[in-house]
Amino acid sequence: MKLYGIKTCDTCRKALKALPDAQFIDVRATPLDRAELQRFLDAFGSDLVNTRSTTWRGMSEAERAADPLDQLIAHPTLMKRPVIDNGTLYLGWNKDLEETLT
């Protein structure tokens, strides 16, 4: 199982604590390649882009209008997190998902 996120993200920390065997990939330290991001976008669509983030608020209108894939490549922290891959992709972390995966 892989967990994609940012090491300073509280939600990612909660998920990692509940899934201690998961391989953690910090998308800030190790940016994802285009194919991996496209796979996530295919699964989650526009939900993958966190429009409530500080990164989004700091972007210009032109940057916000860009293709989501290009946005995520330029700004890895714009990705909603965590993304969990255990053969099936999951976005986010909540009690229901914790019960499903643990």
PDB file of N, CA and C in Angstrom:
ATOM      1  N   MET A   1       0.850  -1.177   0.000  1.00  0.00           N
ATOM      2  CA  MET A   1       0.000   0.000   0.000  1.00  0.00           C
ATOM      3  C   MET A   1       0.891   1.234   0.000  1.00  0.00           C
ATOM      4  N   LYS A   2       0.489   2.220  -0.810  1.00  0.00           N
ATOM      5  CA  LYS A   2       1.228   3.471  -0.866  1.00  0.00           C
ATOM      6  C   LYS A   2       0.316   4.601  -0.420  1.00  0.00           C
ATOM      7  N   LEU A   3       0.898   5.532   0.312  1.00  0.00           N
ATOM      8  CA  LEU A   3       0.183   6.703   0.771  1.00  0.00           C
ATOM      9  C   LEU A   3       0.938   7.922   0.253  1.00  0.00           C
ATOM     10  N   TYR A   4       0.277   8.713  -0.581  1.00  0.00           N
ATOM     11  CA  TYR A   4       0.883   9.901  -1.174  1.00  0.00           C
ATOM     12  C   TYR A   4       0.380  11.124  -0.423  1.00  0.00           C
ATOM     13  N   GLY A   5       1.304  11.968   0.009  1.00  0.00           N
ATOM     14  CA  GLY A   5       0.910  13.159   0.741  1.00  0.00           C
ATOM     15  C   GLY A   5       2.110  14.034   1.036  1.00  0.00           C
ATOM     16  N   ILE A   6       1.993  14.796   2.113  1.00  0.00           N
ATOM     17  CA  ILE A   6       3.060  15.698   2.558  1.00  0.00           C
ATOM     18  C   ILE A   6       3.308  15.407   4.033  1.00  0.00           C
ATOM     19  N   LYS A   7       4.560  15.291   4.409  1.00  0.00           N
ATOM     20  CA  LYS A   7       4.874  14.860   5.774  1.00  0.00           C
ATOM     21  C   LYS A   7       4.367  15.824   6.843  1.00  0.00           C
ATOM     22  N   THR A   8       4.138  17.089   6.501  1.00  0.00           N
ATOM     23  CA  THR A   8       3.663  18.057   7.482  1.00  0.00           C
ATOM     24  C   THR A   8       2.142  18.147   7.547  1.00  0.00           C
ATOM     25  N   CYS A   9       1.446  17.365   6.731  1.00  0.00           N
ATOM     26  CA  CYS A   9      -0.021  17.386   6.676  1.00  0.00           C
ATOM     27  C   CYS A   9      -0.592  16.554   7.825  1.00  0.00           C
ATOM     28  N   ASP A  10      -1.431  17.156   8.645  1.00  0.00           N
ATOM     29  CA  ASP A  10      -2.009  16.451   9.794  1.00  0.00           C
ATOM     30  C   ASP A  10      -2.865  15.265   9.364  1.00  0.00           C
ATOM     31  N   THR A  11      -3.611  15.414   8.283  1.00  0.00           N
ATOM     32  CA  THR A  11      -4.455  14.317   7.805  1.00  0.00           C
ATOM     33  C   THR A  11      -3.598  13.149   7.346  1.00  0.00           C
ATOM     34  N   CYS A  12      -2.506  13.453   6.663  1.00  0.00           N
ATOM     35  CA  CYS A  12      -1.586  12.391   6.231  1.00  0.00           C
ATOM     36  C   CYS A  12      -0.971  11.690   7.437  1.00  0.00           C
ATOM     37  N   ARG A  13      -0.641  12.441   8.459  1.00  0.00           N
ATOM     38  CA  ARG A  13      -0.074  11.847   9.673  1.00  0.00           C
ATOM     39  C   ARG A  13      -1.062  10.886  10.331  1.00  0.00           C
ATOM     40  N   LYS A  14      -2.342  11.282  10.377  1.00  0.00           N
ATOM     41  CA  LYS A  14      -3.373  10.414  10.954  1.00  0.00           C
ATOM     42  C   LYS A  14      -3.487   9.125  10.152  1.00  0.00           C
ATOM     43  N   ALA A  15      -3.493   9.256   8.820  1.00  0.00           N
ATOM     44  CA  ALA A  15      -3.601   8.075   7.958  1.00  0.00           C
ATOM     45  C   ALA A  15      -2.397   7.163   8.153  1.00  0.00           C
ATOM     46  N   LEU A  16      -1.206   7.747   8.217  1.00  0.00           N
ATOM     47  CA  LEU A  16       0.008   6.950   8.402  1.00  0.00           C
ATOM     48  C   LEU A  16       0.015   6.230   9.744  1.00  0.00           C
ATOM     49  N   LYS A  17      -0.494   6.893  10.750  1.00  0.00           N
ATOM     50  CA  LYS A  17      -0.540   6.272  12.069  1.00  0.00           C
ATOM     51  C   LYS A  17      -1.474   5.058  12.050  1.00  0.00           C
ATOM     52  N   ALA A  18      -2.576   5.178  11.328  1.00  0.00           N
ATOM     53  CA  ALA A  18      -3.533   4.074  11.245  1.00  0.00           C
ATOM     54  C   ALA A  18      -3.074   2.980  10.278  1.00  0.00           C
ATOM     55  N   LEU A  19      -2.203   3.347   9.329  1.00  0.00           N
ATOM     56  CA  LEU A  19      -1.698   2.401   8.318  1.00  0.00           C
ATOM     57  C   LEU A  19      -0.175   2.326   8.404  1.00  0.00           C
ATOM     58  N   PRO A  20       0.357   1.783   9.488  1.00  0.00           N
ATOM     59  CA  PRO A  20       1.808   1.814   9.713  1.00  0.00           C
ATOM     60  C   PRO A  20       2.628   1.058   8.662  1.00  0.00           C
ATOM     61  N   ASP A  21       2.011   0.128   7.948  1.00  0.00           N
ATOM     62  CA  ASP A  21       2.747  -0.627   6.931  1.00  0.00           C
ATOM     63  C   ASP A  21       2.750   0.055   5.567  1.00  0.00           C
ATOM     64  N   ALA A  22       2.048   1.163   5.448  1.00  0.00           N
ATOM     65  CA  ALA A  22       1.976   1.863   4.162  1.00  0.00           C
ATOM     66  C   ALA A  22       3.315   2.520   3.837  1.00  0.00           C
ATOM     67  N   GLN A  23       3.667   2.490   2.572  1.00  0.00           N
ATOM     68  CA  GLN A  23       4.859   3.191   2.095  1.00  0.00           C
ATOM     69  C   GLN A  23       4.446   4.642   1.863  1.00  0.00           C
ATOM     70  N   PHE A  24       5.105   5.586   2.542  1.00  0.00           N
ATOM     71  CA  PHE A  24       4.757   7.001   2.426  1.00  0.00           C
ATOM     72  C   PHE A  24       5.594   7.663   1.341  1.00  0.00           C
ATOM     73  N   ILE A  25       4.927   8.367   0.434  1.00  0.00           N
ATOM     74  CA  ILE A  25       5.619   9.131  -0.604  1.00  0.00           C
ATOM     75  C   ILE A  25       5.266  10.599  -0.409  1.00  0.00           C
ATOM     76  N   ASP A  26       6.272  11.395  -0.051  1.00  0.00           N
ATOM     77  CA  ASP A  26       6.088  12.833   0.139  1.00  0.00           C
ATOM     78  C   ASP A  26       6.147  13.500  -1.236  1.00  0.00           C
ATOM     79  N   VAL A  27       5.011  14.021  -1.693  1.00  0.00           N
ATOM     80  CA  VAL A  27       4.943  14.581  -3.043  1.00  0.00           C
ATOM     81  C   VAL A  27       5.696  15.903  -3.174  1.00  0.00           C
ATOM     82  N   ARG A  28       6.033  16.501  -2.064  1.00  0.00           N
ATOM     83  CA  ARG A  28       6.838  17.729  -2.120  1.00  0.00           C
ATOM     84  C   ARG A  28       8.311  17.360  -2.318  1.00  0.00           C
ATOM     85  N   ALA A  29       8.774  16.360  -1.588  1.00  0.00           N
ATOM     86  CA  ALA A  29      10.174  15.931  -1.672  1.00  0.00           C
ATOM     87  C   ALA A  29      10.444  15.116  -2.932  1.00  0.00           C
ATOM     88  N   THR A  30       9.467  14.320  -3.349  1.00  0.00           N
ATOM     89  CA  THR A  30       9.594  13.464  -4.522  1.00  0.00           C
ATOM     90  C   THR A  30       8.377  13.694  -5.420  1.00  0.00           C
ATOM     91  N   PRO A  31       8.415  14.732  -6.248  1.00  0.00           N
ATOM     92  CA  PRO A  31       7.247  15.030  -7.090  1.00  0.00           C
ATOM     93  C   PRO A  31       6.871  13.837  -7.972  1.00  0.00           C
ATOM     94  N   LEU A  32       5.581  13.668  -8.150  1.00  0.00           N
ATOM     95  CA  LEU A  32       5.074  12.570  -8.951  1.00  0.00           C
ATOM     96  C   LEU A  32       5.254  12.862 -10.432  1.00  0.00           C
ATOM     97  N   ASP A  33       5.421  11.808 -11.211  1.00  0.00           N
ATOM     98  CA  ASP A  33       5.562  12.024 -12.649  1.00  0.00           C
ATOM     99  C   ASP A  33       4.186  12.248 -13.277  1.00  0.00           C
ATOM    100  N   ARG A  34       4.205  12.689 -14.499  1.00  0.00           N
ATOM    101  CA  ARG A  34       2.994  13.053 -15.227  1.00  0.00           C
ATOM    102  C   ARG A  34       2.005  11.873 -15.313  1.00  0.00           C
ATOM    103  N   ALA A  35       2.512  10.677 -15.574  1.00  0.00           N
ATOM    104  CA  ALA A  35       1.650   9.504 -15.715  1.00  0.00           C
ATOM    105  C   ALA A  35       0.924   9.174 -14.409  1.00  0.00           C
ATOM    106  N   GLU A  36       1.633   9.275 -13.294  1.00  0.00           N
ATOM    107  CA  GLU A  36       1.024   8.979 -11.991  1.00  0.00           C
ATOM    108  C   GLU A  36      -0.055  10.010 -11.662  1.00  0.00           C
ATOM    109  N   LEU A  37       0.253  11.282 -11.884  1.00  0.00           N
ATOM    110  CA  LEU A  37      -0.739  12.324 -11.636  1.00  0.00           C
ATOM    111  C   LEU A  37      -1.948  12.153 -12.549  1.00  0.00           C
ATOM    112  N   GLN A  38      -1.715  11.761 -13.793  1.00  0.00           N
ATOM    113  CA  GLN A  38      -2.825  11.540 -14.724  1.00  0.00           C
ATOM    114  C   GLN A  38      -3.712  10.391 -14.238  1.00  0.00           C
ATOM    115  N   ARG A  39      -3.098   9.366 -13.694  1.00  0.00           N
ATOM    116  CA  ARG A  39      -3.859   8.232 -13.138  1.00  0.00           C
ATOM    117  C   ARG A  39      -4.764   8.704 -11.997  1.00  0.00           C
ATOM    118  N   PHE A  40      -4.225   9.568 -11.141  1.00  0.00           N
ATOM    119  CA  PHE A  40      -5.019  10.115 -10.040  1.00  0.00           C
ATOM    120  C   PHE A  40      -6.145  10.999 -10.572  1.00  0.00           C
ATOM    121  N   LEU A  41      -5.832  11.834 -11.559  1.00  0.00           N
ATOM    122  CA  LEU A  41      -6.855  12.703 -12.150  1.00  0.00           C
ATOM    123  C   LEU A  41      -7.953  11.883 -12.824  1.00  0.00           C
ATOM    124  N   ASP A  42      -7.572  10.801 -13.481  1.00  0.00           N
ATOM    125  CA  ASP A  42      -8.566   9.933 -14.112  1.00  0.00           C
ATOM    126  C   ASP A  42      -9.510   9.338 -13.064  1.00  0.00           C
ATOM    127  N   ALA A  43      -8.978   9.039 -11.903  1.00  0.00           N
ATOM    128  CA  ALA A  43      -9.773   8.434 -10.837  1.00  0.00           C
ATOM    129  C   ALA A  43     -10.647   9.453 -10.105  1.00  0.00           C
ATOM    130  N   PHE A  44     -10.108  10.644  -9.840  1.00  0.00           N
ATOM    131  CA  PHE A  44     -10.793  11.605  -8.972  1.00  0.00           C
ATOM    132  C   PHE A  44     -11.281  12.871  -9.678  1.00  0.00           C
ATOM    133  N   GLY A  45     -10.816  13.103 -10.895  1.00  0.00           N
ATOM    134  CA  GLY A  45     -11.215  14.309 -11.618  1.00  0.00           C
ATOM    135  C   GLY A  45     -10.776  15.564 -10.899  1.00  0.00           C
ATOM    136  N   SER A  46     -11.609  16.582 -10.968  1.00  0.00           N
ATOM    137  CA  SER A  46     -11.260  17.882 -10.385  1.00  0.00           C
ATOM    138  C   SER A  46     -11.192  17.837  -8.858  1.00  0.00           C
ATOM    139  N   ASP A  47     -11.718  16.776  -8.236  1.00  0.00           N
ATOM    140  CA  ASP A  47     -11.635  16.657  -6.774  1.00  0.00           C
ATOM    141  C   ASP A  47     -10.193  16.543  -6.288  1.00  0.00           C
ATOM    142  N   LEU A  48      -9.284  16.160  -7.179  1.00  0.00           N
ATOM    143  CA  LEU A  48      -7.881  16.010  -6.789  1.00  0.00           C
ATOM    144  C   LEU A  48      -7.218  17.352  -6.505  1.00  0.00           C
ATOM    145  N   VAL A  49      -7.730  18.428  -7.101  1.00  0.00           N
ATOM    146  CA  VAL A  49      -7.149  19.765  -6.915  1.00  0.00           C
ATOM    147  C   VAL A  49      -7.820  20.418  -5.712  1.00  0.00           C
ATOM    148  N   ASN A  50      -7.020  20.791  -4.736  1.00  0.00           N
ATOM    149  CA  ASN A  50      -7.523  21.397  -3.506  1.00  0.00           C
ATOM    150  C   ASN A  50      -7.671  22.908  -3.694  1.00  0.00           C
ATOM    151  N   THR A  51      -8.896  23.320  -4.027  1.00  0.00           N
ATOM    152  CA  THR A  51      -9.151  24.744  -4.275  1.00  0.00           C
ATOM    153  C   THR A  51      -9.350  25.530  -2.979  1.00  0.00           C
ATOM    154  N   ARG A  52      -9.208  24.880  -1.836  1.00  0.00           N
ATOM    155  CA  ARG A  52      -9.302  25.577  -0.552  1.00  0.00           C
ATOM    156  C   ARG A  52      -7.929  25.782   0.086  1.00  0.00           C
ATOM    157  N   SER A  53      -6.882  25.370  -0.629  1.00  0.00           N
ATOM    158  CA  SER A  53      -5.538  25.419  -0.055  1.00  0.00           C
ATOM    159  C   SER A  53      -4.902  26.804  -0.152  1.00  0.00           C
ATOM    160  N   THR A  54      -3.890  26.994   0.646  1.00  0.00           N
ATOM    161  CA  THR A  54      -3.111  28.234   0.594  1.00  0.00           C
ATOM    162  C   THR A  54      -2.447  28.381  -0.760  1.00  0.00           C
ATOM    163  N   THR A  55      -1.991  27.279  -1.309  1.00  0.00           N
ATOM    164  CA  THR A  55      -1.355  27.312  -2.634  1.00  0.00           C
ATOM    165  C   THR A  55      -2.330  27.847  -3.675  1.00  0.00           C
ATOM    166  N   TRP A  56      -3.562  27.360  -3.668  1.00  0.00           N
ATOM    167  CA  TRP A  56      -4.576  27.800  -4.628  1.00  0.00           C
ATOM    168  C   TRP A  56      -4.866  29.295  -4.466  1.00  0.00           C
ATOM    169  N   ARG A  57      -5.004  29.733  -3.230  1.00  0.00           N
ATOM    170  CA  ARG A  57      -5.310  31.151  -2.977  1.00  0.00           C
ATOM    171  C   ARG A  57      -4.193  32.064  -3.447  1.00  0.00           C
ATOM    172  N   GLY A  58      -2.963  31.547  -3.487  1.00  0.00           N
ATOM    173  CA  GLY A  58      -1.823  32.354  -3.928  1.00  0.00           C
ATOM    174  C   GLY A  58      -1.598  32.345  -5.434  1.00  0.00           C
ATOM    175  N   MET A  59      -2.410  31.578  -6.152  1.00  0.00           N
ATOM    176  CA  MET A  59      -2.228  31.468  -7.602  1.00  0.00           C
ATOM    177  C   MET A  59      -2.957  32.594  -8.332  1.00  0.00           C
ATOM    178  N   SER A  60      -2.407  32.994  -9.472  1.00  0.00           N
ATOM    179  CA  SER A  60      -3.057  34.008 -10.306  1.00  0.00           C
ATOM    180  C   SER A  60      -4.256  33.377 -11.017  1.00  0.00           C
ATOM    181  N   GLU A  61      -5.110  34.219 -11.576  1.00  0.00           N
ATOM    182  CA  GLU A  61      -6.269  33.716 -12.330  1.00  0.00           C
ATOM    183  C   GLU A  61      -5.815  32.867 -13.513  1.00  0.00           C
ATOM    184  N   ALA A  62      -4.727  33.255 -14.159  1.00  0.00           N
ATOM    185  CA  ALA A  62      -4.210  32.495 -15.306  1.00  0.00           C
ATOM    186  C   ALA A  62      -3.753  31.106 -14.854  1.00  0.00           C
ATOM    187  N   GLU A  63      -3.082  31.030 -13.694  1.00  0.00           N
ATOM    188  CA  GLU A  63      -2.644  29.731 -13.174  1.00  0.00           C
ATOM    189  C   GLU A  63      -3.841  28.856 -12.800  1.00  0.00           C
ATOM    190  N   ARG A  64      -4.866  29.472 -12.229  1.00  0.00           N
ATOM    191  CA  ARG A  64      -6.060  28.723 -11.842  1.00  0.00           C
ATOM    192  C   ARG A  64      -6.811  28.182 -13.053  1.00  0.00           C
ATOM    193  N   ALA A  65      -6.714  28.875 -14.172  1.00  0.00           N
ATOM    194  CA  ALA A  65      -7.416  28.462 -15.391  1.00  0.00           C
ATOM    195  C   ALA A  65      -6.650  27.382 -16.164  1.00  0.00           C
ATOM    196  N   ALA A  66      -5.431  27.096 -15.760  1.00  0.00           N
ATOM    197  CA  ALA A  66      -4.594  26.114 -16.462  1.00  0.00           C
ATOM    198  C   ALA A  66      -5.149  24.702 -16.287  1.00  0.00           C
ATOM    199  N   ASP A  67      -4.640  23.799 -17.095  1.00  0.00           N
ATOM    200  CA  ASP A  67      -4.997  22.392 -17.021  1.00  0.00           C
ATOM    201  C   ASP A  67      -4.643  21.842 -15.630  1.00  0.00           C
ATOM    202  N   PRO A  68      -5.546  21.086 -14.989  1.00  0.00           N
ATOM    203  CA  PRO A  68      -5.255  20.555 -13.643  1.00  0.00           C
ATOM    204  C   PRO A  68      -3.960  19.747 -13.568  1.00  0.00           C
ATOM    205  N   LEU A  69      -3.641  19.006 -14.610  1.00  0.00           N
ATOM    206  CA  LEU A  69      -2.401  18.225 -14.607  1.00  0.00           C
ATOM    207  C   LEU A  69      -1.191  19.153 -14.535  1.00  0.00           C
ATOM    208  N   ASP A  70      -1.213  20.216 -15.317  1.00  0.00           N
ATOM    209  CA  ASP A  70      -0.119  21.187 -15.285  1.00  0.00           C
ATOM    210  C   ASP A  70      -0.042  21.892 -13.934  1.00  0.00           C
ATOM    211  N   GLN A  71      -1.195  22.172 -13.334  1.00  0.00           N
ATOM    212  CA  GLN A  71      -1.221  22.794 -12.005  1.00  0.00           C
ATOM    213  C   GLN A  71      -0.542  21.895 -10.976  1.00  0.00           C
ATOM    214  N   LEU A  72      -0.878  20.615 -11.011  1.00  0.00           N
ATOM    215  CA  LEU A  72      -0.324  19.676 -10.030  1.00  0.00           C
ATOM    216  C   LEU A  72       1.161  19.422 -10.240  1.00  0.00           C
ATOM    217  N   ILE A  73       1.614  19.486 -11.477  1.00  0.00           N
ATOM    218  CA  ILE A  73       3.048  19.336 -11.749  1.00  0.00           C
ATOM    219  C   ILE A  73       3.801  20.559 -11.231  1.00  0.00           C
ATOM    220  N   ALA A  74       3.256  21.735 -11.458  1.00  0.00           N
ATOM    221  CA  ALA A  74       3.912  22.974 -11.022  1.00  0.00           C
ATOM    222  C   ALA A  74       3.810  23.174  -9.509  1.00  0.00           C
ATOM    223  N   HIS A  75       2.720  22.707  -8.913  1.00  0.00           N
ATOM    224  CA  HIS A  75       2.466  22.922  -7.477  1.00  0.00           C
ATOM    225  C   HIS A  75       2.017  21.605  -6.839  1.00  0.00           C
ATOM    226  N   PRO A  76       2.952  20.723  -6.474  1.00  0.00           N
ATOM    227  CA  PRO A  76       2.578  19.420  -5.902  1.00  0.00           C
ATOM    228  C   PRO A  76       1.702  19.515  -4.653  1.00  0.00           C
ATOM    229  N   THR A  77       1.844  20.595  -3.894  1.00  0.00           N
ATOM    230  CA  THR A  77       1.060  20.730  -2.664  1.00  0.00           C
ATOM    231  C   THR A  77      -0.398  21.078  -2.946  1.00  0.00           C
ATOM    232  N   LEU A  78      -0.741  21.301  -4.196  1.00  0.00           N
ATOM    233  CA  LEU A  78      -2.120  21.584  -4.576  1.00  0.00           C
ATOM    234  C   LEU A  78      -2.984  20.323  -4.558  1.00  0.00           C
ATOM    235  N   MET A  79      -2.340  19.172  -4.513  1.00  0.00           N
ATOM    236  CA  MET A  79      -3.068  17.900  -4.510  1.00  0.00           C
ATOM    237  C   MET A  79      -3.776  17.690  -3.177  1.00  0.00           C
ATOM    238  N   LYS A  80      -5.063  17.326  -3.240  1.00  0.00           N
ATOM    239  CA  LYS A  80      -5.749  16.918  -2.020  1.00  0.00           C
ATOM    240  C   LYS A  80      -5.081  15.658  -1.528  1.00  0.00           C
ATOM    241  N   ARG A  81      -5.054  15.479  -0.242  1.00  0.00           N
ATOM    242  CA  ARG A  81      -4.316  14.362   0.305  1.00  0.00           C
ATOM    243  C   ARG A  81      -4.979  13.830   1.565  1.00  0.00           C
ATOM    244  N   PRO A  82      -4.618  12.628   1.883  1.00  0.00           N
ATOM    245  CA  PRO A  82      -3.728  11.733   1.154  1.00  0.00           C
ATOM    246  C   PRO A  82      -4.440  11.026   0.003  1.00  0.00           C
ATOM    247  N   VAL A  83      -3.633  10.549  -0.932  1.00  0.00           N
ATOM    248  CA  VAL A  83      -4.096   9.602  -1.940  1.00  0.00           C
ATOM    249  C   VAL A  83      -3.524   8.263  -1.506  1.00  0.00           C
ATOM    250  N   ILE A  84      -4.398   7.285  -1.370  1.00  0.00           N
ATOM    251  CA  ILE A  84      -3.984   5.959  -0.900  1.00  0.00           C
ATOM    252  C   ILE A  84      -4.206   4.963  -2.035  1.00  0.00           C
ATOM    253  N   ASP A  85      -3.177   4.178  -2.314  1.00  0.00           N
ATOM    254  CA  ASP A  85      -3.236   3.198  -3.395  1.00  0.00           C
ATOM    255  C   ASP A  85      -2.942   1.815  -2.827  1.00  0.00           C
ATOM    256  N   ASN A  86      -3.958   0.980  -2.772  1.00  0.00           N
ATOM    257  CA  ASN A  86      -3.762  -0.420  -2.367  1.00  0.00           C
ATOM    258  C   ASN A  86      -4.330  -1.338  -3.447  1.00  0.00           C
ATOM    259  N   GLY A  87      -4.223  -0.891  -4.680  1.00  0.00           N
ATOM    260  CA  GLY A  87      -4.859  -1.579  -5.797  1.00  0.00           C
ATOM    261  C   GLY A  87      -6.105  -0.821  -6.224  1.00  0.00           C
ATOM    262  N   THR A  88      -6.727  -0.169  -5.267  1.00  0.00           N
ATOM    263  CA  THR A  88      -7.833   0.755  -5.478  1.00  0.00           C
ATOM    264  C   THR A  88      -7.354   2.109  -4.974  1.00  0.00           C
ATOM    265  N   LEU A  89      -7.729   3.178  -5.651  1.00  0.00           N
ATOM    266  CA  LEU A  89      -7.329   4.517  -5.223  1.00  0.00           C
ATOM    267  C   LEU A  89      -8.387   5.133  -4.320  1.00  0.00           C
ATOM    268  N   TYR A  90      -7.922   5.765  -3.239  1.00  0.00           N
ATOM    269  CA  TYR A  90      -8.783   6.482  -2.311  1.00  0.00           C
ATOM    270  C   TYR A  90      -8.234   7.885  -2.134  1.00  0.00           C
ATOM    271  N   LEU A  91      -9.135   8.855  -1.959  1.00  0.00           N
ATOM    272  CA  LEU A  91      -8.730  10.244  -1.763  1.00  0.00           C
ATOM    273  C   LEU A  91      -9.249  10.723  -0.419  1.00  0.00           C
ATOM    274  N   GLY A  92      -8.345  11.258   0.384  1.00  0.00           N
ATOM    275  CA  GLY A  92      -8.728  11.790   1.687  1.00  0.00           C
ATOM    276  C   GLY A  92      -8.623  10.741   2.772  1.00  0.00           C
ATOM    277  N   TRP A  93      -9.060  11.117   3.965  1.00  0.00           N
ATOM    278  CA  TRP A  93      -8.997  10.223   5.117  1.00  0.00           C
ATOM    279  C   TRP A  93     -10.148  10.555   6.038  1.00  0.00           C
ATOM    280  N   ASN A  94     -10.914   9.540   6.423  1.00  0.00           N
ATOM    281  CA  ASN A  94     -11.997   9.710   7.374  1.00  0.00           C
ATOM    282  C   ASN A  94     -12.229   8.375   8.082  1.00  0.00           C
ATOM    283  N   LYS A  95     -13.154   8.360   9.017  1.00  0.00           N
ATOM    284  CA  LYS A  95     -13.395   7.150   9.813  1.00  0.00           C
ATOM    285  C   LYS A  95     -13.860   5.983   8.954  1.00  0.00           C
ATOM    286  N   ASP A  96     -14.713   6.246   7.963  1.00  0.00           N
ATOM    287  CA  ASP A  96     -15.203   5.166   7.110  1.00  0.00           C
ATOM    288  C   ASP A  96     -14.058   4.518   6.336  1.00  0.00           C
ATOM    289  N   LEU A  97     -13.195   5.343   5.797  1.00  0.00           N
ATOM    290  CA  LEU A  97     -12.059   4.810   5.041  1.00  0.00           C
ATOM    291  C   LEU A  97     -11.097   4.071   5.971  1.00  0.00           C
ATOM    292  N   GLU A  98     -10.917   4.592   7.174  1.00  0.00           N
ATOM    293  CA  GLU A  98     -10.061   3.914   8.143  1.00  0.00           C
ATOM    294  C   GLU A  98     -10.597   2.519   8.448  1.00  0.00           C
ATOM    295  N   GLU A  99     -11.905   2.387   8.613  1.00  0.00           N
ATOM    296  CA  GLU A  99     -12.511   1.080   8.872  1.00  0.00           C
ATOM    297  C   GLU A  99     -12.331   0.149   7.668  1.00  0.00           C
ATOM    298  N   THR A 100     -12.418   0.705   6.460  1.00  0.00           N
ATOM    299  CA  THR A 100     -12.259  -0.091   5.247  1.00  0.00           C
ATOM    300  C   THR A 100     -10.843  -0.630   5.098  1.00  0.00           C
ATOM    301  N   LEU A 101      -9.850   0.187   5.420  1.00  0.00           N
ATOM    302  CA  LEU A 101      -8.455  -0.161   5.158  1.00  0.00           C
ATOM    303  C   LEU A 101      -7.713  -0.814   6.316  1.00  0.00           C
ATOM    304  N   THR A 102      -8.256  -0.749   7.506  1.00  0.00           N
ATOM    305  CA  THR A 102      -7.543  -1.350   8.651  1.00  0.00           C
ATOM    306  C   THR A 102      -8.202  -2.622   9.115  1.00  0.00           C
TER     307      THR A 102
END
